[in-house]
C-alpha atoms as a PDB file:
ATOM      1  CA  MET A   1     -18.811 -23.730  15.119  1.00  0.00           C
ATOM      2  CA  VAL A   2     -16.863 -22.063  17.930  1.00  0.00           C
ATOM      3  CA  LEU A   3     -17.997 -18.893  19.710  1.00  0.00           C
ATOM      4  CA  LEU A   4     -15.186 -16.490  20.508  1.00  0.00           C
ATOM      5  CA  SER A   5     -15.319 -13.061  22.134  1.00  0.00           C
ATOM      6  CA  LEU A   6     -12.880 -10.901  20.191  1.00  0.00           C
ATOM      7  CA  PRO A   7     -11.908  -7.225  20.581  1.00  0.00           C
ATOM      8  CA  LEU A   8     -12.359  -4.460  18.042  1.00  0.00           C
ATOM      9  CA  ALA A   9      -8.923  -3.001  17.343  1.00  0.00           C
ATOM     10  CA  GLY A  10      -9.313   0.477  18.774  1.00  0.00           C
ATOM     11  CA  ALA A  11     -12.558   0.992  20.670  1.00  0.00           C
ATOM     12  CA  ILE A  12     -15.244   3.106  18.996  1.00  0.00           C
ATOM     13  CA  THR A  13     -18.227   4.628  20.795  1.00  0.00           C
ATOM     14  CA  VAL A  14     -21.099   6.723  19.463  1.00  0.00           C
ATOM     15  CA  THR A  15     -21.369   9.794  21.713  1.00  0.00           C
ATOM     16  CA  ASP A  16     -24.154  11.653  19.879  1.00  0.00           C
ATOM     17  CA  GLN A  17     -26.474  11.440  16.863  1.00  0.00           C
ATOM     18  CA  TYR A  18     -28.539  14.236  15.352  1.00  0.00           C
ATOM     19  CA  GLN A  19     -30.566  15.043  12.262  1.00  0.00           C
ATOM     20  CA  LEU A  20     -29.082  17.509   9.752  1.00  0.00           C
ATOM     21  CA  THR A  21     -31.886  17.829   7.165  1.00  0.00           C
ATOM     22  CA  GLU A  22     -35.677  17.869   7.291  1.00  0.00           C
ATOM     23  CA  GLY A  23     -37.248  16.942   3.993  1.00  0.00           C
ATOM     24  CA  THR A  24     -38.056  13.980   1.766  1.00  0.00           C
ATOM     25  CA  ASN A  25     -35.576  11.588   0.183  1.00  0.00           C
ATOM     26  CA  GLN A  26     -32.439  13.327   1.456  1.00  0.00           C
ATOM     27  CA  VAL A  27     -29.740  10.660   0.897  1.00  0.00           C
ATOM     28  CA  ALA A  28     -26.165   9.864  -0.167  1.00  0.00           C
ATOM     29  CA  PRO A  29     -24.075  12.282   1.944  1.00  0.00           C
ATOM     30  CA  ALA A  30     -20.409  12.916   1.103  1.00  0.00           C
ATOM     31  CA  TRP A  31     -17.870  15.162   2.852  1.00  0.00           C
ATOM     32  CA  SER A  32     -15.805  17.984   1.441  1.00  0.00           C
ATOM     33  CA  PRO A  33     -12.026  17.379   1.673  1.00  0.00           C
ATOM     34  CA  ASN A  34     -11.649  19.777   4.628  1.00  0.00           C
ATOM     35  CA  GLY A  35     -14.705  18.393   6.433  1.00  0.00           C
ATOM     36  CA  ASP A  36     -16.516  21.754   6.539  1.00  0.00           C
ATOM     37  CA  ARG A  37     -19.410  20.851   4.244  1.00  0.00           C
ATOM     38  CA  ILE A  38     -21.522  17.884   3.149  1.00  0.00           C
ATOM     39  CA  VAL A  39     -22.996  17.343  -0.312  1.00  0.00           C
ATOM     40  CA  TYR A  40     -26.109  15.192  -0.665  1.00  0.00           C
ATOM     41  CA  SER A  41     -28.993  14.273  -2.938  1.00  0.00           C
ATOM     42  CA  SER A  42     -32.391  15.872  -2.240  1.00  0.00           C
ATOM     43  CA  GLU A  43     -35.140  14.268  -4.317  1.00  0.00           C
ATOM     44  CA  GLN A  44     -33.558  14.694  -7.786  1.00  0.00           C
ATOM     45  CA  THR A  45     -31.309  17.690  -7.029  1.00  0.00           C
ATOM     46  CA  ILE A  46     -27.845  18.262  -5.544  1.00  0.00           C
ATOM     47  CA  TRP A  47     -27.493  20.244  -2.304  1.00  0.00           C
ATOM     48  CA  THR A  48     -24.657  21.210   0.038  1.00  0.00           C
ATOM     49  CA  MET A  49     -24.632  22.322   3.681  1.00  0.00           C
ATOM     50  CA  ASN A  50     -22.275  22.964   6.548  1.00  0.00           C
ATOM     51  CA  ALA A  51     -21.223  19.924   8.562  1.00  0.00           C
ATOM     52  CA  ASP A  52     -23.605  21.000  11.348  1.00  0.00           C
ATOM     53  CA  GLY A  53     -26.598  21.239   8.984  1.00  0.00           C
ATOM     54  CA  THR A  54     -26.627  25.018   8.571  1.00  0.00           C
ATOM     55  CA  ASP A  55     -26.320  27.070   5.374  1.00  0.00           C
ATOM     56  CA  LYS A  56     -28.149  24.640   3.078  1.00  0.00           C
ATOM     57  CA  LYS A  57     -27.794  25.520  -0.612  1.00  0.00           C
ATOM     58  CA  GLU A  58     -29.252  23.996  -3.742  1.00  0.00           C
ATOM     59  CA  THR A  59     -26.174  23.545  -5.913  1.00  0.00           C
ATOM     60  CA  TYR A  60     -27.607  21.933  -9.034  1.00  0.00           C
ATOM     61  CA  ASP A  61     -31.078  21.217 -10.422  1.00  0.00           C
ATOM     62  CA  SER A  62     -31.790  19.894 -13.893  1.00  0.00           C
ATOM     63  CA  ILE A  63     -34.967  18.598 -15.518  1.00  0.00           C
ATOM     64  CA  VAL A  64     -33.966  14.986 -14.766  1.00  0.00           C
ATOM     65  CA  TRP A  65     -32.723  12.935 -11.815  1.00  0.00           C
ATOM     66  CA  ASP A  66     -29.310  13.911 -10.395  1.00  0.00           C
ATOM     67  CA  GLY A  67     -27.796  12.060  -7.433  1.00  0.00           C
ATOM     68  CA  GLU A  68     -24.877  10.229  -5.785  1.00  0.00           C
ATOM     69  CA  PRO A  69     -22.729  13.403  -5.535  1.00  0.00           C
ATOM     70  CA  ILE A  70     -19.127  13.509  -4.277  1.00  0.00           C
ATOM     71  CA  TYR A  71     -16.430  16.157  -3.963  1.00  0.00           C
ATOM     72  CA  SER A  72     -13.198  16.233  -5.926  1.00  0.00           C
ATOM     73  CA  THR A  73     -10.076  15.958  -3.762  1.00  0.00           C
ATOM     74  CA  ASP A  74      -9.383  19.691  -4.145  1.00  0.00           C
ATOM     75  CA  GLY A  75     -12.974  20.589  -3.231  1.00  0.00           C
ATOM     76  CA  LYS A  76     -13.490  22.598  -6.432  1.00  0.00           C
ATOM     77  CA  HIS A  77     -15.785  20.189  -8.309  1.00  0.00           C
ATOM     78  CA  LEU A  78     -18.683  17.817  -7.727  1.00  0.00           C
ATOM     79  CA  TYR A  79     -19.030  14.491  -9.537  1.00  0.00           C
ATOM     80  CA  PHE A  80     -22.487  12.925  -9.706  1.00  0.00           C
ATOM     81  CA  ALA A  81     -24.767  10.578 -11.636  1.00  0.00           C
ATOM     82  CA  SER A  82     -27.482  11.940 -13.898  1.00  0.00           C
ATOM     83  CA  GLU A  83     -30.074  10.702 -16.353  1.00  0.00           C
ATOM     84  CA  HIS A  84     -29.384  11.298 -20.028  1.00  0.00           C
ATOM     85  CA  VAL A  85     -31.339  14.310 -21.314  1.00  0.00           C
ATOM     86  CA  ASN A  86     -30.856  14.368 -25.098  1.00  0.00           C
ATOM     87  CA  PRO A  87     -34.204  13.907 -26.921  1.00  0.00           C
ATOM     88  CA  TYR A  88     -34.912  10.934 -29.210  1.00  0.00           C
ATOM     89  CA  THR A  89     -32.067   8.861 -27.733  1.00  0.00           C
ATOM     90  CA  PRO A  90     -32.131   5.885 -25.325  1.00  0.00           C
ATOM     91  CA  LYS A  91     -32.201   6.814 -21.651  1.00  0.00           C
ATOM     92  CA  PHE A  92     -29.242   5.929 -19.462  1.00  0.00           C
ATOM     93  CA  ILE A  93     -27.468   7.221 -16.377  1.00  0.00           C
ATOM     94  CA  GLY A  94     -24.083   8.846 -16.885  1.00  0.00           C
ATOM     95  CA  ILE A  95     -21.424  10.469 -14.723  1.00  0.00           C
ATOM     96  CA  HIS A  96     -21.090  14.253 -14.880  1.00  0.00           C
ATOM     97  CA  VAL A  97     -18.999  16.950 -13.210  1.00  0.00           C
ATOM     98  CA  ILE A  98     -19.816  20.543 -12.254  1.00  0.00           C
ATOM     99  CA  ASP A  99     -17.951  23.357 -10.536  1.00  0.00           C
ATOM    100  CA  ILE A 100     -18.619  23.755  -6.833  1.00  0.00           C
ATOM    101  CA  ASP A 101     -21.014  26.600  -7.633  1.00  0.00           C
ATOM    102  CA  GLY A 102     -23.085  24.338  -9.915  1.00  0.00           C
ATOM    103  CA  MET A 103     -21.813  25.790 -13.198  1.00  0.00           C
ATOM    104  CA  LYS A 104     -19.956  24.304 -16.202  1.00  0.00           C
ATOM    105  CA  ARG A 105     -21.585  20.882 -16.354  1.00  0.00           C
ATOM    106  CA  THR A 106     -19.571  18.312 -18.310  1.00  0.00           C
ATOM    107  CA  GLN A 107     -20.703  14.787 -19.203  1.00  0.00           C
ATOM    108  CA  ILE A 108     -17.904  12.260 -18.624  1.00  0.00           C
ATOM    109  CA  THR A 109     -19.496   8.921 -19.607  1.00  0.00           C
ATOM    110  CA  LYS A 110     -21.894   7.971 -22.413  1.00  0.00           C
ATOM    111  CA  ASN A 111     -23.816   5.107 -24.058  1.00  0.00           C
ATOM    112  CA  ALA A 112     -24.571   2.891 -21.009  1.00  0.00           C
ATOM    113  CA  ASP A 113     -25.615   3.155 -17.376  1.00  0.00           C
ATOM    114  CA  MET A 114     -22.628   4.379 -15.360  1.00  0.00           C
ATOM    115  CA  ARG A 115     -23.066   5.708 -11.842  1.00  0.00           C
ATOM    116  CA  ALA A 116     -21.846   5.816  -8.197  1.00  0.00           C
ATOM    117  CA  PRO A 117     -18.571   7.689  -8.827  1.00  0.00           C
ATOM    118  CA  ALA A 118     -15.810   7.480  -6.201  1.00  0.00           C
ATOM    119  CA  VAL A 119     -12.734   9.699  -6.470  1.00  0.00           C
ATOM    120  CA  SER A 120      -9.379   8.007  -5.780  1.00  0.00           C
ATOM    121  CA  PRO A 121      -7.345   9.405  -2.853  1.00  0.00           C
ATOM    122  CA  ASP A 122      -4.861  11.044  -5.242  1.00  0.00           C
ATOM    123  CA  GLY A 123      -7.698  12.633  -7.223  1.00  0.00           C
ATOM    124  CA  LYS A 124      -6.546  11.166 -10.540  1.00  0.00           C
ATOM    125  CA  GLN A 125      -9.126   8.408 -11.071  1.00  0.00           C
ATOM    126  CA  LEU A 126     -12.783   7.583 -10.634  1.00  0.00           C
ATOM    127  CA  ALA A 127     -14.119   4.180  -9.625  1.00  0.00           C
ATOM    128  CA  TYR A 128     -17.737   3.640 -10.655  1.00  0.00           C
ATOM    129  CA  LEU A 129     -20.447   1.155 -11.573  1.00  0.00           C
ATOM    130  CA  SER A 130     -20.955   0.429 -15.265  1.00  0.00           C
ATOM    131  CA  LYS A 131     -23.364  -1.719 -17.277  1.00  0.00           C
ATOM    132  CA  LEU A 132     -21.151  -1.587 -20.339  1.00  0.00           C
ATOM    133  CA  SER A 133     -20.551  -5.360 -20.140  1.00  0.00           C
ATOM    134  CA  GLY A 134     -24.183  -6.252 -19.363  1.00  0.00           C
ATOM    135  CA  ASN A 135     -24.705  -5.719 -15.632  1.00  0.00           C
ATOM    136  CA  TYR A 136     -23.208  -3.437 -13.000  1.00  0.00           C
ATOM    137  CA  ASP A 137     -19.493  -4.133 -12.588  1.00  0.00           C
ATOM    138  CA  ILE A 138     -16.708  -2.062 -11.028  1.00  0.00           C
ATOM    139  CA  TRP A 139     -14.771   0.058 -13.504  1.00  0.00           C
ATOM    140  CA  VAL A 140     -11.989   2.647 -13.144  1.00  0.00           C
ATOM    141  CA  MET A 141     -11.218   5.598 -15.427  1.00  0.00           C
ATOM    142  CA  ASP A 142      -9.068   8.699 -15.404  1.00  0.00           C
ATOM    143  CA  ILE A 143     -10.681  11.745 -13.842  1.00  0.00           C
ATOM    144  CA  ASP A 144     -11.512  13.166 -17.299  1.00  0.00           C
ATOM    145  CA  GLY A 145     -13.308   9.963 -18.401  1.00  0.00           C
ATOM    146  CA  SER A 146     -10.482   8.461 -20.466  1.00  0.00           C
ATOM    147  CA  ASN A 147      -8.876   5.017 -20.076  1.00  0.00           C
ATOM    148  CA  GLN A 148     -12.017   3.226 -18.890  1.00  0.00           C
ATOM    149  CA  THR A 149     -10.948  -0.138 -17.473  1.00  0.00           C
ATOM    150  CA  GLN A 150     -13.134  -2.970 -16.181  1.00  0.00           C
ATOM    151  CA  ILE A 151     -12.016  -4.229 -12.754  1.00  0.00           C
ATOM    152  CA  THR A 152     -14.636  -6.860 -11.827  1.00  0.00           C
ATOM    153  CA  ASP A 153     -16.685  -9.211 -13.969  1.00  0.00           C
ATOM    154  CA  SER A 154     -19.567 -11.184 -12.446  1.00  0.00           C
ATOM    155  CA  ASN A 155     -23.063 -12.126 -13.553  1.00  0.00           C
ATOM    156  CA  ILE A 156     -24.570 -10.290 -10.566  1.00  0.00           C
ATOM    157  CA  ASP A 157     -24.592  -6.538  -9.934  1.00  0.00           C
ATOM    158  CA  GLU A 158     -21.777  -5.272  -7.738  1.00  0.00           C
ATOM    159  CA  GLY A 159     -22.542  -2.598  -5.140  1.00  0.00           C
ATOM    160  CA  VAL A 160     -21.240   0.950  -4.741  1.00  0.00           C
ATOM    161  CA  PRO A 161     -17.395   1.095  -4.848  1.00  0.00           C
ATOM    162  CA  ALA A 162     -15.126   2.856  -2.337  1.00  0.00           C
ATOM    163  CA  TRP A 163     -11.331   3.215  -2.358  1.00  0.00           C
ATOM    164  CA  THR A 164      -8.913   2.132   0.320  1.00  0.00           C
ATOM    165  CA  PRO A 165      -6.949   5.137   1.667  1.00  0.00           C
ATOM    166  CA  ASP A 166      -3.785   4.002  -0.135  1.00  0.00           C
ATOM    167  CA  GLY A 167      -5.638   3.965  -3.462  1.00  0.00           C
ATOM    168  CA  GLU A 168      -4.586   0.418  -4.306  1.00  0.00           C
ATOM    169  CA  GLN A 169      -7.841  -1.459  -3.674  1.00  0.00           C
ATOM    170  CA  ILE A 170     -11.591  -0.983  -3.941  1.00  0.00           C
ATOM    171  CA  VAL A 171     -14.221  -2.351  -1.557  1.00  0.00           C
ATOM    172  CA  TYR A 172     -17.795  -3.120  -2.584  1.00  0.00           C
ATOM    173  CA  SER A 173     -20.690  -5.477  -1.911  1.00  0.00           C
ATOM    174  CA  LEU A 174     -21.685  -8.545  -3.910  1.00  0.00           C
ATOM    175  CA  GLU A 175     -24.359 -11.124  -3.078  1.00  0.00           C
ATOM    176  CA  GLY A 176     -24.702  -9.698   0.436  1.00  0.00           C
ATOM    177  CA  ASN A 177     -20.991  -9.985   1.281  1.00  0.00           C
ATOM    178  CA  ILE A 178     -18.228  -7.369   1.445  1.00  0.00           C
ATOM    179  CA  TRP A 179     -15.506  -7.796  -1.174  1.00  0.00           C
ATOM    180  CA  LYS A 180     -12.260  -6.074  -2.076  1.00  0.00           C
ATOM    181  CA  VAL A 181     -10.285  -6.036  -5.311  1.00  0.00           C
ATOM    182  CA  ASP A 182      -6.818  -4.837  -6.224  1.00  0.00           C
ATOM    183  CA  THR A 183      -6.991  -2.429  -9.156  1.00  0.00           C
ATOM    184  CA  GLY A 184      -3.732  -3.809 -10.531  1.00  0.00           C
ATOM    185  CA  SER A 185      -4.266  -7.568 -10.368  1.00  0.00           C
ATOM    186  CA  LYS A 186      -8.092  -7.299 -10.644  1.00  0.00           C
ATOM    187  CA  VAL A 187      -8.392 -10.380  -8.408  1.00  0.00           C
ATOM    188  CA  PRO A 188     -11.377 -10.042  -6.019  1.00  0.00           C
ATOM    189  CA  SER A 189     -11.605 -11.655  -2.586  1.00  0.00           C
ATOM    190  CA  ILE A 190     -14.183 -11.707   0.206  1.00  0.00           C
ATOM    191  CA  LEU A 191     -13.406  -9.299   3.032  1.00  0.00           C
ATOM    192  CA  LYS A 192     -16.497 -10.074   5.122  1.00  0.00           C
ATOM    193  CA  GLU A 193     -18.882 -12.980   4.633  1.00  0.00           C
ATOM    194  CA  ASN A 194     -22.180 -12.564   6.461  1.00  0.00           C
ATOM    195  CA  TYR A 195     -25.298 -14.564   7.135  1.00  0.00           C
ATOM    196  CA  TYR A 196     -27.263 -11.388   6.295  1.00  0.00           C
ATOM    197  CA  ASN A 197     -26.971  -8.846   3.472  1.00  0.00           C
ATOM    198  CA  SER A 198     -24.241  -6.195   3.700  1.00  0.00           C
ATOM    199  CA  TYR A 199     -23.919  -2.993   1.670  1.00  0.00           C
ATOM    200  CA  ASP A 200     -22.028   0.275   1.266  1.00  0.00           C
ATOM    201  CA  PRO A 201     -18.581  -0.524   2.744  1.00  0.00           C
ATOM    202  CA  VAL A 202     -16.282   2.475   3.225  1.00  0.00           C
ATOM    203  CA  PHE A 203     -12.886   2.788   4.926  1.00  0.00           C
ATOM    204  CA  ASN A 204     -12.106   5.345   7.606  1.00  0.00           C
ATOM    205  CA  PRO A 205      -9.343   7.839   6.680  1.00  0.00           C
ATOM    206  CA  GLU A 206      -6.701   5.889   8.625  1.00  0.00           C
ATOM    207  CA  GLY A 207      -7.534   2.654   6.817  1.00  0.00           C
ATOM    208  CA  THR A 208      -7.993   0.753  10.088  1.00  0.00           C
ATOM    209  CA  MET A 209     -11.771   0.243  10.012  1.00  0.00           C
ATOM    210  CA  VAL A 210     -14.629  -0.213   7.566  1.00  0.00           C
ATOM    211  CA  ALA A 211     -18.145   1.104   8.115  1.00  0.00           C
ATOM    212  CA  PHE A 212     -20.899  -0.803   6.321  1.00  0.00           C
ATOM    213  CA  VAL A 213     -24.635  -1.481   6.335  1.00  0.00           C
ATOM    214  CA  LEU A 214     -25.947  -4.812   7.589  1.00  0.00           C
ATOM    215  CA  GLU A 215     -29.591  -5.783   7.035  1.00  0.00           C
ATOM    216  CA  THR A 216     -31.150  -7.994   9.716  1.00  0.00           C
ATOM    217  CA  ASN A 217     -34.805  -8.684  10.507  1.00  0.00           C
ATOM    218  CA  GLY A 218     -36.018  -6.184   7.949  1.00  0.00           C
ATOM    219  CA  ALA A 219     -33.948  -3.242   9.244  1.00  0.00           C
ATOM    220  CA  LYS A 220     -30.640  -1.811   8.040  1.00  0.00           C
ATOM    221  CA  ASP A 221     -28.063  -0.634  10.560  1.00  0.00           C
ATOM    222  CA  ILE A 222     -24.545   0.742  10.374  1.00  0.00           C
ATOM    223  CA  TYR A 223     -21.717  -1.421  11.685  1.00  0.00           C
ATOM    224  CA  VAL A 224     -17.939  -1.110  11.795  1.00  0.00           C
ATOM    225  CA  MET A 225     -15.265  -3.777  11.543  1.00  0.00           C
ATOM    226  CA  ASN A 226     -11.505  -3.939  11.435  1.00  0.00           C
ATOM    227  CA  ALA A 227      -9.800  -3.490   8.076  1.00  0.00           C
ATOM    228  CA  ASP A 228      -9.220  -7.264   7.887  1.00  0.00           C
ATOM    229  CA  GLY A 229     -12.968  -7.961   8.130  1.00  0.00           C
ATOM    230  CA  LYS A 230     -12.859  -9.174  11.739  1.00  0.00           C
ATOM    231  CA  ARG A 231     -14.502  -7.984  14.965  1.00  0.00           C
ATOM    232  CA  THR A 232     -17.679  -6.134  14.078  1.00  0.00           C
ATOM    233  CA  LYS A 233     -19.572  -3.643  16.232  1.00  0.00           C
ATOM    234  CA  GLN A 234     -23.077  -2.245  15.693  1.00  0.00           C
ATOM    235  CA  LEU A 235     -23.406   1.558  15.805  1.00  0.00           C
ATOM    236  CA  THR A 236     -27.117   2.221  15.120  1.00  0.00           C
ATOM    237  CA  PHE A 237     -30.131   0.553  16.758  1.00  0.00           C
ATOM    238  CA  SER A 238     -33.215   2.485  15.607  1.00  0.00           C
ATOM    239  CA  GLY A 239     -35.150  -0.401  14.051  1.00  0.00           C
ATOM    240  CA  SER A 240     -35.454   1.699  10.874  1.00  0.00           C
ATOM    241  CA  ASP A 241     -33.086   1.948   7.910  1.00  0.00           C
ATOM    242  CA  GLU A 242     -29.664   3.573   8.250  1.00  0.00           C
ATOM    243  CA  MET A 243     -27.655   3.650   5.001  1.00  0.00           C
ATOM    244  CA  ASP A 244     -24.944   5.470   3.023  1.00  0.00           C
ATOM    245  CA  PRO A 245     -22.280   5.795   5.755  1.00  0.00           C
ATOM    246  CA  ALA A 246     -19.608   8.407   5.000  1.00  0.00           C
ATOM    247  CA  TRP A 247     -16.596   9.018   7.273  1.00  0.00           C
ATOM    248  CA  SER A 248     -15.568  12.597   7.927  1.00  0.00           C
ATOM    249  CA  PRO A 249     -11.989  13.450   6.849  1.00  0.00           C
ATOM    250  CA  ASP A 250     -10.848  13.490  10.495  1.00  0.00           C
ATOM    251  CA  GLY A 251     -12.498  10.112  11.182  1.00  0.00           C
ATOM    252  CA  LYS A 252     -14.470  11.473  14.140  1.00  0.00           C
ATOM    253  CA  SER A 253     -17.939  11.471  12.546  1.00  0.00           C
ATOM    254  CA  ILE A 254     -20.073   9.440  10.179  1.00  0.00           C
ATOM    255  CA  ALA A 255     -22.785  11.071   8.074  1.00  0.00           C
ATOM    256  CA  TYR A 256     -25.549   8.748   6.892  1.00  0.00           C
ATOM    257  CA  SER A 257     -29.108   8.491   5.570  1.00  0.00           C
ATOM    258  CA  SER A 258     -31.941   7.370   7.856  1.00  0.00           C
ATOM    259  CA  ASN A 259     -35.739   7.215   7.873  1.00  0.00           C
ATOM    260  CA  LYS A 260     -36.004   6.880  11.663  1.00  0.00           C
ATOM    261  CA  ALA A 261     -37.818  10.240  11.794  1.00  0.00           C
ATOM    262  CA  GLY A 262     -40.286   9.157   9.092  1.00  0.00           C
ATOM    263  CA  GLU A 263     -38.688  10.328   5.840  1.00  0.00           C
ATOM    264  CA  PHE A 264     -35.144   9.690   4.660  1.00  0.00           C
ATOM    265  CA  ASN A 265     -32.881  12.515   5.834  1.00  0.00           C
ATOM    266  CA  ILE A 266     -29.203  13.125   6.497  1.00  0.00           C
ATOM    267  CA  TRP A 267     -28.000  12.365  10.023  1.00  0.00           C
ATOM    268  CA  LYS A 268     -24.603  12.512  11.693  1.00  0.00           C
ATOM    269  CA  MET A 269     -23.099  10.484  14.528  1.00  0.00           C
ATOM    270  CA  GLU A 270     -20.170  11.701  16.605  1.00  0.00           C
ATOM    271  CA  LEU A 271     -17.574   9.071  17.490  1.00  0.00           C
ATOM    272  CA  LEU A 272     -15.151   8.644  20.368  1.00  0.00           C
ATOM    273  CA  MET A 273     -12.045   6.664  19.468  1.00  0.00           C
ATOM    274  CA  THR A 274      -9.724   5.124  22.053  1.00  0.00           C
ATOM    275  CA  GLU A 275      -6.548   3.082  21.726  1.00  0.00           C
ATOM    276  CA  GLN A 276      -7.373   0.264  24.130  1.00  0.00           C
ATOM    277  CA  THR A 277      -9.036  -2.930  22.952  1.00  0.00           C
ATOM    278  CA  ILE A 278     -12.188  -4.073  24.699  1.00  0.00           C
ATOM    279  CA  PRO A 279     -14.416  -7.109  24.114  1.00  0.00           C
ATOM    280  CA  HIS A 280     -17.417  -6.539  21.863  1.00  0.00           C
ATOM    281  CA  GLU A 281     -20.108  -8.716  20.406  1.00  0.00           C
ATOM    282  CA  PRO A 282     -19.128 -12.362  19.809  1.00  0.00           C
ATOM    283  CA  GLU A 283     -17.870 -13.393  16.417  1.00  0.00           C
ATOM    284  CA  TYR A 284     -18.629 -16.804  14.949  1.00  0.00           C
ATOM    285  CA  ILE A 285     -15.700 -18.692  13.507  1.00  0.00           C
ATOM    286  CA  GLU A 286     -15.961 -21.990  11.689  1.00  0.00           C
ATOM    287  CA  GLU A 287     -14.010 -24.783  13.352  1.00  0.00           C
ATOM    288  CA  GLY A 288     -12.177 -25.402  10.097  1.00  0.00           C
ATOM    289  CA  ASP A 289     -10.708 -21.892  10.302  1.00  0.00           C
ATOM    290  CA  ILE A 290      -9.047 -22.516  13.687  1.00  0.00           C
ATOM    291  CA  VAL A 291      -5.427 -23.637  13.498  1.00  0.00           C
ATOM    292  CA  GLU A 292      -4.316 -25.986  16.280  1.00  0.00           C
ATOM    293  CA  GLU A 293      -0.792 -27.099  17.122  1.00  0.00           C
ATOM    294  CA  LYS A 294      -0.319 -30.815  16.414  1.00  0.00           C
ATOM    295  CA  ASN A 295       1.772 -33.404  18.238  1.00  0.00           C
ATOM    296  CA  PRO A 296       5.079 -33.948  16.334  1.00  0.00           C
ATOM    297  CA  ILE A 297       4.551 -37.729  16.364  1.00  0.00           C
ATOM    298  CA  ILE A 298       1.108 -37.329  14.775  1.00  0.00           C
ATOM    299  CA  GLU A 299       2.544 -34.996  12.153  1.00  0.00           C
ATOM    300  CA  LYS A 300       5.236 -37.561  11.257  1.00  0.00           C
ATOM    301  CA  LEU A 301       2.628 -40.316  10.976  1.00  0.00           C
ATOM    302  CA  GLU A 302       0.515 -38.098   8.686  1.00  0.00           C
ATOM    303  CA  ASP A 303       3.537 -37.356   6.485  1.00  0.00           C
ATOM    304  CA  PHE A 304       4.415 -41.067   6.367  1.00  0.00           C
ATOM    305  CA  GLY A 305       0.832 -41.927   5.423  1.00  0.00           C
ATOM    306  CA  ARG A 306       0.767 -39.388   2.605  1.00  0.00           C
ATOM    307  CA  SER A 307       4.090 -40.573   1.172  1.00  0.00           C
ATOM    308  CA  SER A 308       3.629 -44.378   1.624  1.00  0.00           C
ATOM    309  CA  PRO A 309      -0.061 -45.197   2.110  1.00  0.00           C
ATOM    310  CA  LEU A 310       0.365 -48.941   1.354  1.00  0.00           C
ATOM    311  CA  ARG A 311       3.189 -49.367   3.881  1.00  0.00           C
ATOM    312  CA  LEU A 312       1.105 -47.525   6.473  1.00  0.00           C
ATOM    313  CA  ILE A 313      -1.823 -49.885   5.902  1.00  0.00           C
ATOM    314  CA  ILE A 314       0.465 -52.943   6.246  1.00  0.00           C
ATOM    315  CA  LEU A 315       2.025 -51.590   9.451  1.00  0.00           C
ATOM    316  CA  ALA A 316      -1.399 -50.763  10.868  1.00  0.00           C
ATOM    317  CA  PHE A 317      -2.621 -54.292  10.063  1.00  0.00           C
ATOM    318  CA  ILE A 318       0.436 -55.870  11.719  1.00  0.00           C
ATOM    319  CA  LEU A 319      -0.016 -53.624  14.772  1.00  0.00           C
ATOM    320  CA  ALA A 320      -3.712 -54.473  15.030  1.00  0.00           C
ATOM    321  CA  VAL A 321      -2.998 -58.264  14.762  1.00  0.00           C
ATOM    322  CA  THR A 322      -0.264 -57.969  17.389  1.00  0.00           C
ATOM    323  CA  ILE A 323      -2.611 -56.189  19.798  1.00  0.00           C
ATOM    324  CA  VAL A 324      -5.343 -58.809  19.266  1.00  0.00           C
ATOM    325  CA  ILE A 325      -2.843 -61.645  19.903  1.00  0.00           C
ATOM    326  CA  MET A 326      -1.545 -59.960  23.083  1.00  0.00           C
ATOM    327  CA  ILE A 327      -5.068 -59.437  24.422  1.00  0.00           C
ATOM    328  CA  THR A 328      -6.024 -63.022  23.599  1.00  0.00           C
ATOM    329  CA  MET A 329      -2.920 -64.433  25.352  1.00  0.00           C
ATOM    330  CA  TYR A 330      -3.614 -62.263  28.392  1.00  0.00           C
ATOM    331  CA  PHE A 331      -7.117 -63.688  28.836  1.00  0.00           C
ATOM    332  CA  LEU A 332      -5.956 -67.299  28.133  1.00  0.00           C
ATOM    333  CA  LYS A 333      -3.393 -67.059  30.931  1.00  0.00           C
ATOM    334  CA  ARG A 334      -6.162 -66.149  33.392  1.00  0.00           C
ATOM    335  CA  PHE A 335      -8.077 -69.376  32.699  1.00  0.00           C
END
């Protein structure tokens, strides 16, 4: 294993962090399209507030759990997950939508656990988690709930999905690693493989970086990496749990959940972005991943060996015998 010191493409520095809410179980923040407000889950209800934590409003409260809220791309609706409420029927979690004022609730999904909605950049689709095929996989449907299509299929639960800014791929976690999948080909690939568990990946608006949660030594912190999965940098160091990172629309802030003040609440970090590249924490690269330039003669010998292995063995034997004879004659002449 080789230790290399690599730069993060575009330096990022946390200039300030502050707490926006003071309560219990305040989690899952998401930004409005214009960046003025943040929606979040408070216990089992949906709340909104200004981006600076002022003007908190309870937007929706039902008799069951409601959570994981997000804005529509036009800012006029909220999508969220909610427990099924019909009596004498099996319980499950479905995806619902309400107006921004909390009125006109509509249930979009039925019959199986479906949650963690993520609106596509063009506002026409929802990515989400569904247990329709047995365990949580990534699915995509039209914004009205039609054309439900399975994107991933594994025997282990996938994590919360998030779109790339171009709307062509989805990032998520699986078995502690960060994955991505093209919604057209449906072929998944590992974006970031870690020695520790990673969760909640989300792209910045420019599509150049991914924020995610990395769990080490019993604590969860927020990190960022380049869009290609290289060159990570740690942003939080509280020793507590920081989760649910959400980039602001201008890419200058990240809202997140943290229990560093005792209870889980919504926090926000302000970021300073610069164009220059500077060295950050070392990144470990397996020796097998490093490509080295080979001597042309060696390359020709390798090609010859692959095409005519028997002839190569015969030539090697003749060469070895010749060398032994030459060495033997050299020593005999000295006696």
